[in-house]
Protein backbone atom coordinates (compact mmCIF):
# COMPACT_ATOMS: atom_id res chain seq x y z
CA MET A 1 -16.33 4.54 14.47
CA THR A 2 -18.21 1.30 15.11
CA GLY A 3 -16.79 -2.12 14.37
CA ALA A 4 -19.14 -2.63 11.40
CA ASN A 5 -18.42 0.86 10.10
CA ARG A 6 -14.70 0.28 10.48
CA LYS A 7 -14.98 -2.99 8.54
CA ALA A 8 -16.81 -1.16 5.75
CA HIS A 9 -14.06 1.48 5.57
CA ILE A 10 -11.42 -1.25 5.55
CA ALA A 11 -13.27 -3.00 2.73
CA ASP A 12 -13.27 0.26 0.75
CA GLU A 13 -9.51 0.66 1.22
CA VAL A 14 -8.90 -2.97 0.25
CA ARG A 15 -11.01 -2.51 -2.90
CA LYS A 16 -9.02 0.60 -3.85
CA GLY A 17 -5.77 -1.21 -3.07
CA ASN A 18 -6.74 -4.21 -5.18
CA ASN A 19 -7.70 -1.94 -8.08
CA ALA A 20 -4.41 -0.04 -7.85
CA LEU A 21 -2.46 -3.30 -7.75
CA ARG A 22 -4.27 -4.57 -10.82
CA ALA A 23 -3.72 -1.27 -12.61
CA GLY A 24 -0.02 -1.36 -11.75
CA THR A 25 0.47 -4.82 -13.16
CA GLU A 26 -1.56 -4.00 -16.29
CA LEU A 27 0.48 -0.83 -16.84
CA ILE A 28 3.69 -2.86 -16.70
CA ALA A 29 2.28 -5.10 -19.42
CA LEU A 30 1.55 -1.98 -21.48
CA GLY A 31 5.10 -0.70 -21.02
CA LEU A 32 4.01 2.31 -18.92
CA TYR A 33 6.52 1.71 -16.17
CA ASP A 34 6.48 5.05 -14.34
CA ASP A 35 2.69 5.01 -14.19
CA ALA A 36 2.80 1.39 -13.04
CA VAL A 37 5.05 2.21 -10.10
CA THR A 38 2.78 5.07 -9.11
CA ARG A 39 -0.22 2.73 -9.00
CA LEU A 40 1.79 0.10 -7.13
CA TYR A 41 2.57 2.65 -4.43
CA TYR A 42 -1.12 3.46 -4.14
CA ALA A 43 -1.91 -0.23 -3.73
CA ALA A 44 0.42 -0.28 -0.72
CA PHE A 45 -0.95 3.08 0.47
CA HIS A 46 -4.54 1.81 0.55
CA PHE A 47 -3.60 -1.42 2.29
CA ALA A 48 -1.60 0.56 4.87
CA CYS A 49 -4.66 2.76 5.41
CA ALA A 50 -6.77 -0.38 5.88
CA ALA A 51 -4.33 -1.72 8.47
CA LEU A 52 -4.37 1.59 10.34
CA LEU A 53 -8.16 1.56 10.41
CA THR A 54 -7.96 -1.60 12.54
CA GLU A 55 -6.52 0.70 15.20
CA GLY A 56 -9.24 3.30 14.60
CA VAL A 57 -6.66 5.67 13.07
CA GLU A 58 -6.84 7.53 9.75
CA ALA A 59 -3.98 9.38 8.10
CA THR A 60 -4.63 12.66 6.29
CA THR A 61 -1.28 12.93 4.45
CA HIS A 62 1.29 10.58 2.96
CA ARG A 63 3.83 11.65 5.57
CA GLY A 64 1.23 11.11 8.28
CA LEU A 65 0.51 7.65 6.95
CA HIS A 66 4.14 6.64 7.35
CA ALA A 67 4.38 8.11 10.84
CA LEU A 68 1.17 6.46 12.00
CA PHE A 69 2.06 3.15 10.36
CA SER A 70 5.30 3.05 12.32
CA GLU A 71 3.75 4.31 15.56
CA GLN A 72 0.59 2.20 15.58
CA LEU A 73 1.67 -0.99 13.84
CA VAL A 74 5.45 -1.40 13.62
CA ARG A 75 6.59 -0.24 17.08
CA PRO A 76 4.03 -2.42 18.88
CA GLY A 77 5.27 -5.39 16.82
CA LYS A 78 2.07 -5.97 14.84
CA ILE A 79 3.80 -5.41 11.49
CA THR A 80 7.46 -6.07 10.70
CA PRO A 81 9.75 -3.03 10.18
CA ALA A 82 10.58 -4.42 6.72
CA ARG A 83 7.06 -3.55 5.57
CA ALA A 84 7.49 0.06 6.73
CA LYS A 85 10.68 0.18 4.64
CA ASP A 86 8.79 -1.23 1.65
CA LEU A 87 6.11 1.44 1.98
CA LYS A 88 8.72 4.19 2.18
CA ARG A 89 10.60 2.74 -0.79
CA LEU A 90 7.47 2.61 -2.93
CA GLN A 91 6.60 6.18 -1.99
CA GLY A 92 10.08 7.40 -2.91
CA PHE A 93 9.92 5.73 -6.29
CA ARG A 94 6.40 7.04 -6.86
CA GLU A 95 7.64 10.57 -6.24
CA ALA A 96 10.62 10.06 -8.56
CA ALA A 97 8.39 8.60 -11.28
CA ASP A 98 5.89 11.46 -10.98
CA TYR A 99 8.13 14.47 -10.40
CA THR A 100 11.67 13.83 -11.64
CA ARG A 101 11.81 14.64 -15.33
CA SER A 102 14.98 12.64 -16.04
CA PHE A 103 13.92 9.57 -14.05
CA ALA A 104 12.42 6.62 -15.94
CA PHE A 105 11.71 3.08 -14.84
CA THR A 106 12.75 0.12 -16.96
CA HIS A 107 10.69 -3.02 -17.29
CA GLU A 108 13.00 -4.77 -14.80
CA GLY A 109 12.77 -1.91 -12.31
CA ALA A 110 8.99 -1.81 -12.50
CA GLU A 111 8.82 -5.59 -12.03
CA GLU A 112 11.04 -5.29 -8.96
CA GLU A 113 8.74 -2.67 -7.44
CA ALA A 114 5.75 -4.84 -8.30
CA ALA A 115 7.32 -7.63 -6.24
CA VAL A 116 7.76 -5.19 -3.32
CA ALA A 117 4.14 -4.04 -3.60
CA LEU A 118 2.85 -7.61 -3.83
CA ARG A 119 4.81 -8.59 -0.72
CA PHE A 120 3.48 -5.56 1.16
CA VAL A 121 -0.12 -6.21 0.10
CA ALA A 122 0.13 -9.91 0.96
CA ASP A 123 1.36 -9.11 4.48
CA MET A 124 -1.32 -6.45 5.03
CA ARG A 125 -4.00 -8.84 3.77
CA ALA A 126 -2.73 -11.52 6.16
CA TYR A 127 -2.79 -9.00 9.01
CA LEU A 128 -6.38 -8.01 8.17
CA GLU A 129 -7.46 -11.63 7.83
CA ALA A 130 -5.84 -12.61 11.13
CA GLY A 131 -7.83 -9.90 12.88
CA SER A 132 -11.07 -10.88 11.08
CA TRP A 133 -11.27 -7.39 9.56
CA LEU A 134 -12.13 -8.41 6.02
CA ILE A 135 -15.76 -8.59 5.02
CA ASP A 136 -16.57 -11.89 3.33
CA GLY A 137 -17.95 -11.85 -0.20
């Protein structure tokens, strides 16, 4: 993967992440809290994928994403361990929201997860910007 190609793939992940983040916040406003948390996880997921692409690494599964994120970015000290915990937290709540029949988010709970997702995305964006990985425009 060339540097320009990698930047294009990163831009695609950032676009998907931004769209998921927007969808998550809009779904909270609509009162669709479980769906909102699912989209918020995917915002973090896409930004984590973008960060991994800076290392030339692509995950093929959600579990693989977490393993690679820790191995390639957290252990070397490029990303704080707190962000790996945020990603795992968002994934756990996404799974509960999607698959646990008796589980339901409240407005307050969804807002709390939105804050986690926003923090994660802000840190990934800063990481990408610091490495000049974002395409301008």
